[in-house]
Amino acid sequence: MQTVNAIGRRKAAIARVIVKSGSGKITINKREFENYFPSTILQYVVRQPLNKLEATDKFDIQVNLCGGGYKGQAEALRLAIARALVKIDETNKPALKAEGFLTRDARIVERKKPGRPKARKRFQFSKR
């Protein structure tokens, strides 16, 4: 099997993934997967597409992650892995799409407006 590249984004986080056939090792920014995401919930989020296809120990995944917070990074990585799995085998697409792993979450931070302290908050108003 050849190597497959994919990109996933969420909020300000960008995940670039290289997937090869292997033993199931995930390396993020040259660090161990468990060290980069110590939270078991985030580890579960990242592994969701692999668990759905029962392919946790079939692929080695090398990741370049940047931007955003840890939650956004985990969800960006989930999208990138799901996209790579579809590139590897098109028959995976219906199962991953049904779970919502191929949908890009477009919600981002709303911009700050002029004349206001934040996006929607207003300065304190007093009649006198």
Foldseek 3Di string as FASTA:
>chain_A
DDWFWFWFFFAFKIKIKIKDFAFQFEAEPNHGPCVVPVDVVLVCLLCVLCVLVVNNGTIYMYMYMDDDDSNRRSLRNLLRVNVRVCVVPVVSVVSCVVVVSPDHDPDYAAAADPQAPGNPHHPDDDPD
